[in-house]
Amino acid sequence: MIERVRGLLRMAEDPAVTDAESQAFTAKAAELMTRHAIAEAEARAERGEAAESVTRLDFPVSGVGGHGKARVKALAAIASAYGCQSAVRGNTSANTERTLIIVGTVTALDSLRVLLPSITMQMEASARYSAREHVANLRALRNYDRSALATERSRFYRSFVRAYGYAVAERIREFRARLREDSGQAAGGGGSESAPARRGTDLVLRDDVDRVQDEFQRRFPQLRPTRPERTHHRAGYRAGYLRGRRAELGMETAVGQGRTASLPDGD
């Protein structure tokens, strides 16, 4: 299954495919991993085995261009949609790398480990293209000097990246909400052999979210809240959101936004 997913993501990252094709490949990869993870969890429950463990993934996030904080917000939103909780270390305004620390189930982290690099690559490519197009349109107006154009590009880029991540996360939550809804309908169907397994979908998702939250609290009992992003560019945010929504992502869960907080550099 992992090899199938990686094959789909390789096709998604191919410069020769269209944007719509790239989004479709990523969506299929995410859906495969989601359904596989839930099926495995239900199988463990049926065998009377303990739920899978909750652990931690340290994911490096680039600070190039001074856009590191926006990237963290985007990727943390996606991790949250997978039922994970996030903290970040070294989240300064510098162009340096920072670490997004994600706490989640083994399967959720396996999915994120495969998907986040590909989603990041697609997000950055879309942001670069859209920001370049935005600046070109402004340059044609001849009302902006070089410094003003650079500022516009930066503000547009950050807002685009943040909104792209939120939109992708939204699609993930919608898909997992549909899984829970299907589970409830199957449970009320009466007499169906698939009802016990489908009923387990909702239980698996809710149980995982609760266990992840408890483990996150245990690992990081005291966190400094992240400062709200001060940069907001309406056109950049709208463009990023629309591009992220265009990804027909059939992913995971209907959990609420998880917390993203800053860790002391010494953690």
Protein backbone atom coordinates (compact mmCIF):
# COMPACT_ATOMS: atom_id res chain seq x y z
CA MET A 1 0.00 0.00 0.00
CA ILE A 2 2.84 2.38 0.89
CA GLU A 3 4.47 1.72 -2.47
CA ARG A 4 1.19 2.48 -4.25
CA VAL A 5 0.94 5.73 -2.31
CA ARG A 6 4.51 6.71 -3.13
CA GLY A 7 3.88 5.94 -6.79
CA LEU A 8 0.85 8.24 -6.79
CA LEU A 9 2.82 11.01 -5.11
CA ARG A 10 5.66 10.67 -7.61
CA MET A 11 3.11 11.21 -10.37
CA ALA A 12 1.65 14.17 -8.45
CA GLU A 13 5.09 15.80 -8.28
CA ASP A 14 5.85 15.28 -11.98
CA PRO A 15 6.17 18.72 -13.65
CA ALA A 16 4.59 17.27 -16.79
CA VAL A 17 1.16 16.71 -15.20
CA THR A 18 -1.48 19.40 -14.92
CA ASP A 19 -2.40 20.99 -11.62
CA ALA A 20 -5.73 19.13 -11.60
CA GLU A 21 -4.00 15.80 -12.24
CA SER A 22 -1.50 16.49 -9.47
CA GLN A 23 -4.31 17.24 -7.02
CA ALA A 24 -6.13 14.04 -8.03
CA PHE A 25 -3.05 11.86 -7.49
CA THR A 26 -2.48 13.38 -4.05
CA ALA A 27 -6.14 12.90 -3.15
CA LYS A 28 -6.06 9.22 -4.08
CA ALA A 29 -2.88 8.68 -2.08
CA ALA A 30 -4.39 10.29 1.01
CA GLU A 31 -7.61 8.30 0.71
CA LEU A 32 -5.75 5.00 0.38
CA MET A 33 -3.76 5.68 3.54
CA THR A 34 -6.82 6.78 5.50
CA ARG A 35 -8.94 3.77 4.66
CA HIS A 36 -6.02 1.43 5.28
CA ALA A 37 -5.34 2.98 8.71
CA ILE A 38 -8.96 2.65 9.84
CA ALA A 39 -9.24 -0.91 8.53
CA GLU A 40 -6.10 -1.87 10.47
CA ALA A 41 -7.42 -0.27 13.67
CA GLU A 42 -10.77 -2.06 13.35
CA ALA A 43 -8.97 -5.37 12.73
CA ARG A 44 -6.88 -4.90 15.88
CA ALA A 45 -10.05 -4.23 17.89
CA GLU A 46 -11.76 -7.33 16.50
CA ARG A 47 -8.75 -9.44 17.48
CA GLY A 48 -8.86 -8.00 20.98
CA GLU A 49 -5.48 -6.29 20.59
CA ALA A 50 -4.57 -3.01 22.22
CA ALA A 51 -4.87 0.21 20.22
CA GLU A 52 -1.70 1.28 18.45
CA SER A 53 0.69 3.47 20.36
CA VAL A 54 0.87 7.26 20.26
CA THR A 55 4.28 8.67 19.46
CA ARG A 56 6.05 11.72 18.00
CA LEU A 57 7.31 12.90 14.62
CA ASP A 58 9.80 15.76 14.25
CA PHE A 59 9.23 17.35 10.85
CA PRO A 60 11.71 20.02 9.61
CA VAL A 61 10.14 23.17 8.17
CA SER A 62 12.10 25.56 6.00
CA GLY A 63 12.40 29.21 6.95
CA VAL A 64 13.58 30.32 3.51
CA GLY A 65 12.24 33.70 2.48
CA GLY A 66 11.10 34.46 6.01
CA HIS A 67 7.98 32.34 5.41
CA GLY A 68 8.70 29.70 8.05
CA LYS A 69 5.88 30.70 10.39
CA ALA A 70 3.32 30.54 7.58
CA ARG A 71 4.56 27.08 6.59
CA VAL A 72 4.28 25.89 10.19
CA LYS A 73 0.68 27.12 10.39
CA ALA A 74 -0.21 25.34 7.15
CA LEU A 75 1.39 22.01 8.02
CA ALA A 76 0.14 22.04 11.62
CA ALA A 77 -3.40 22.48 10.31
CA ILE A 78 -2.97 19.41 8.10
CA ALA A 79 -1.54 17.40 11.02
CA SER A 80 -4.48 18.48 13.17
CA ALA A 81 -6.90 17.23 10.55
CA TYR A 82 -5.24 13.83 10.89
CA GLY A 83 -6.13 13.85 14.59
CA CYS A 84 -2.65 14.94 15.72
CA GLN A 85 -1.44 17.68 18.06
CA SER A 86 1.52 19.93 17.20
CA ALA A 87 4.14 22.10 18.83
CA VAL A 88 6.98 23.99 17.17
CA ARG A 89 10.57 24.64 18.20
CA GLY A 90 12.68 27.53 16.92
CA ASN A 91 9.81 29.38 15.27
CA THR A 92 11.52 32.74 14.82
CA SER A 93 11.29 35.32 12.06
CA ALA A 94 14.71 34.29 10.76
CA ASN A 95 15.24 32.28 7.57
CA THR A 96 16.40 29.31 9.62
CA GLU A 97 14.87 25.86 9.76
CA ARG A 98 12.45 25.11 12.57
CA THR A 99 10.95 21.83 13.80
CA LEU A 100 7.26 20.97 13.82
CA ILE A 101 6.76 18.35 16.54
CA ILE A 102 3.69 16.24 15.79
CA VAL A 103 2.15 13.84 18.33
CA GLY A 104 -0.18 11.21 16.93
CA THR A 105 -0.83 7.52 16.42
CA VAL A 106 1.81 5.48 14.63
CA THR A 107 -0.39 5.12 11.56
CA ALA A 108 -1.29 8.82 11.39
CA LEU A 109 2.38 9.78 11.64
CA ASP A 110 3.30 7.23 8.97
CA SER A 111 0.76 8.89 6.69
CA LEU A 112 2.06 12.38 7.45
CA ARG A 113 5.66 11.27 6.99
CA VAL A 114 4.82 10.26 3.42
CA LEU A 115 2.31 12.99 2.55
CA LEU A 116 3.71 16.18 4.11
CA PRO A 117 6.83 16.43 1.89
CA SER A 118 4.71 16.01 -1.25
CA ILE A 119 2.01 18.44 -0.10
CA THR A 120 4.74 20.93 0.87
CA MET A 121 6.31 20.68 -2.57
CA GLN A 122 2.99 21.27 -4.31
CA MET A 123 2.07 24.11 -1.94
CA GLU A 124 5.37 25.91 -2.51
CA ALA A 125 5.16 25.51 -6.28
CA SER A 126 1.64 26.94 -6.31
CA ALA A 127 2.66 29.80 -4.02
CA ARG A 128 5.66 30.73 -6.18
CA TYR A 129 3.60 30.72 -9.38
CA SER A 130 0.69 32.69 -7.90
CA ALA A 131 2.93 35.25 -6.19
CA ARG A 132 4.91 35.78 -9.39
CA GLU A 133 1.68 36.30 -11.34
CA HIS A 134 0.37 38.72 -8.69
CA VAL A 135 3.54 40.82 -8.78
CA ALA A 136 3.57 40.84 -12.59
CA ASN A 137 0.04 42.25 -12.60
CA LEU A 138 1.02 44.96 -10.13
CA ARG A 139 4.14 45.83 -12.11
CA ALA A 140 1.97 46.45 -15.15
CA LEU A 141 0.15 49.18 -13.19
CA ARG A 142 3.46 51.04 -12.74
CA ASN A 143 2.36 52.26 -9.31
CA TYR A 144 4.87 50.21 -7.33
CA ASP A 145 8.63 50.59 -6.95
CA ARG A 146 10.92 47.59 -6.43
CA SER A 147 10.72 47.70 -2.63
CA ALA A 148 6.92 47.87 -2.64
CA LEU A 149 6.72 44.94 -5.05
CA ALA A 150 9.00 42.84 -2.83
CA THR A 151 6.80 43.59 0.19
CA GLU A 152 3.68 42.70 -1.78
CA ARG A 153 5.18 39.40 -2.92
CA SER A 154 6.18 38.45 0.62
CA ARG A 155 2.77 39.26 2.12
CA PHE A 156 0.95 37.47 -0.73
CA TYR A 157 3.19 34.38 -0.43
CA ARG A 158 2.72 33.98 3.33
CA SER A 159 -1.03 34.38 3.19
CA PHE A 160 -1.25 31.97 0.25
CA VAL A 161 0.71 29.26 2.07
CA ARG A 162 -1.29 29.60 5.26
CA ALA A 163 -4.63 29.45 3.43
CA TYR A 164 -3.53 26.52 1.26
CA GLY A 165 -2.79 24.46 4.36
CA TYR A 166 -6.09 25.38 5.97
CA ALA A 167 -8.01 24.45 2.82
CA VAL A 168 -6.30 21.07 2.51
CA ALA A 169 -6.98 20.41 6.20
CA GLU A 170 -10.61 21.32 5.65
CA ARG A 171 -10.92 18.70 2.95
CA ILE A 172 -9.32 16.11 5.24
CA ARG A 173 -11.81 16.83 8.02
CA GLU A 174 -14.71 16.65 5.58
CA PHE A 175 -13.68 13.22 4.39
CA ARG A 176 -13.33 11.84 7.89
CA ALA A 177 -16.68 13.36 8.79
CA ARG A 178 -18.19 11.41 5.90
CA LEU A 179 -16.59 8.23 7.22
CA ARG A 180 -18.20 8.83 10.61
CA GLU A 181 -21.55 9.57 8.99
CA ASP A 182 -21.36 6.37 6.95
CA SER A 183 -20.48 4.51 10.13
CA GLY A 184 -23.57 5.83 11.89
CA GLN A 185 -25.85 4.96 8.99
CA ALA A 186 -24.47 1.43 8.85
CA ALA A 187 -24.95 1.01 12.59
CA GLY A 188 -28.63 1.92 12.24
CA GLY A 189 -29.18 -0.31 9.22
CA GLY A 190 -30.01 -3.40 11.26
CA GLY A 191 -28.98 -6.87 10.22
CA SER A 192 -26.07 -5.84 8.06
CA GLU A 193 -22.95 -7.92 8.53
CA SER A 194 -20.80 -4.85 7.95
CA ALA A 195 -22.50 -2.88 10.75
CA PRO A 196 -20.11 -3.90 13.56
CA ALA A 197 -17.05 -3.01 11.48
CA ARG A 198 -18.51 0.29 10.26
CA ARG A 199 -19.67 1.17 13.76
CA GLY A 200 -16.02 0.77 14.77
CA THR A 201 -14.92 3.58 12.43
CA ASP A 202 -16.44 6.29 14.61
CA LEU A 203 -15.12 4.68 17.79
CA VAL A 204 -11.62 4.33 16.34
CA LEU A 205 -11.47 7.98 15.28
CA ARG A 206 -12.79 9.34 18.58
CA ASP A 207 -10.59 7.07 20.68
CA ASP A 208 -7.47 8.04 18.75
CA VAL A 209 -8.17 11.76 19.16
CA ASP A 210 -8.63 11.37 22.93
CA ARG A 211 -5.48 9.29 23.36
CA VAL A 212 -3.40 11.72 21.30
CA GLN A 213 -4.63 14.67 23.35
CA ASP A 214 -3.74 12.92 26.61
CA GLU A 215 -0.27 12.03 25.37
CA PHE A 216 0.34 15.55 24.09
CA GLN A 217 -0.58 16.98 27.49
CA ARG A 218 1.75 14.50 29.18
CA ARG A 219 4.69 15.32 26.92
CA PHE A 220 4.20 19.09 26.82
CA PRO A 221 2.35 20.23 29.95
CA GLN A 222 3.51 23.84 29.62
CA LEU A 223 3.72 25.60 26.28
CA ARG A 224 4.04 29.19 25.16
CA PRO A 225 1.24 30.04 22.73
CA THR A 226 2.33 31.02 19.25
CA ARG A 227 1.83 34.63 18.33
CA PRO A 228 -0.89 35.23 15.74
CA GLU A 229 0.38 35.83 12.22
CA ARG A 230 0.46 39.57 11.60
CA THR A 231 0.76 39.33 7.83
CA HIS A 232 -2.54 39.09 6.02
CA HIS A 233 -2.98 39.64 2.32
CA ARG A 234 -6.60 39.21 1.26
CA ALA A 235 -5.86 38.31 -2.37
CA GLY A 236 -3.06 35.91 -1.36
CA TYR A 237 -5.25 34.20 1.22
CA ARG A 238 -8.12 33.82 -1.24
CA ALA A 239 -5.84 32.42 -3.94
CA GLY A 240 -4.24 29.93 -1.56
CA TYR A 241 -7.56 28.79 -0.17
CA LEU A 242 -9.05 28.23 -3.62
CA ARG A 243 -5.98 26.32 -4.78
CA GLY A 244 -6.02 24.15 -1.66
CA ARG A 245 -9.74 23.47 -1.99
CA ARG A 246 -9.18 22.41 -5.57
CA ALA A 247 -7.36 19.37 -4.24
CA GLU A 248 -10.07 16.72 -4.18
CA LEU A 249 -8.57 15.27 -1.03
CA GLY A 250 -10.38 12.20 0.20
CA MET A 251 -8.49 12.14 3.46
CA GLU A 252 -9.29 11.89 7.13
CA THR A 253 -10.93 13.44 10.06
CA ALA A 254 -13.63 15.54 11.57
CA VAL A 255 -11.68 16.57 14.63
CA GLY A 256 -11.37 20.20 15.57
CA GLN A 257 -8.25 22.24 15.09
CA GLY A 258 -5.47 20.90 17.26
CA ARG A 259 -3.19 23.17 19.19
CA THR A 260 0.02 24.52 17.79
CA ALA A 261 2.29 26.03 20.36
CA SER A 262 5.88 27.09 20.71
CA LEU A 263 8.40 25.08 22.67
CA PRO A 264 11.37 26.67 24.39
CA ASP A 265 14.45 26.27 22.21
CA GLY A 266 15.95 24.02 24.83
CA ASP A 267 13.27 21.36 24.60
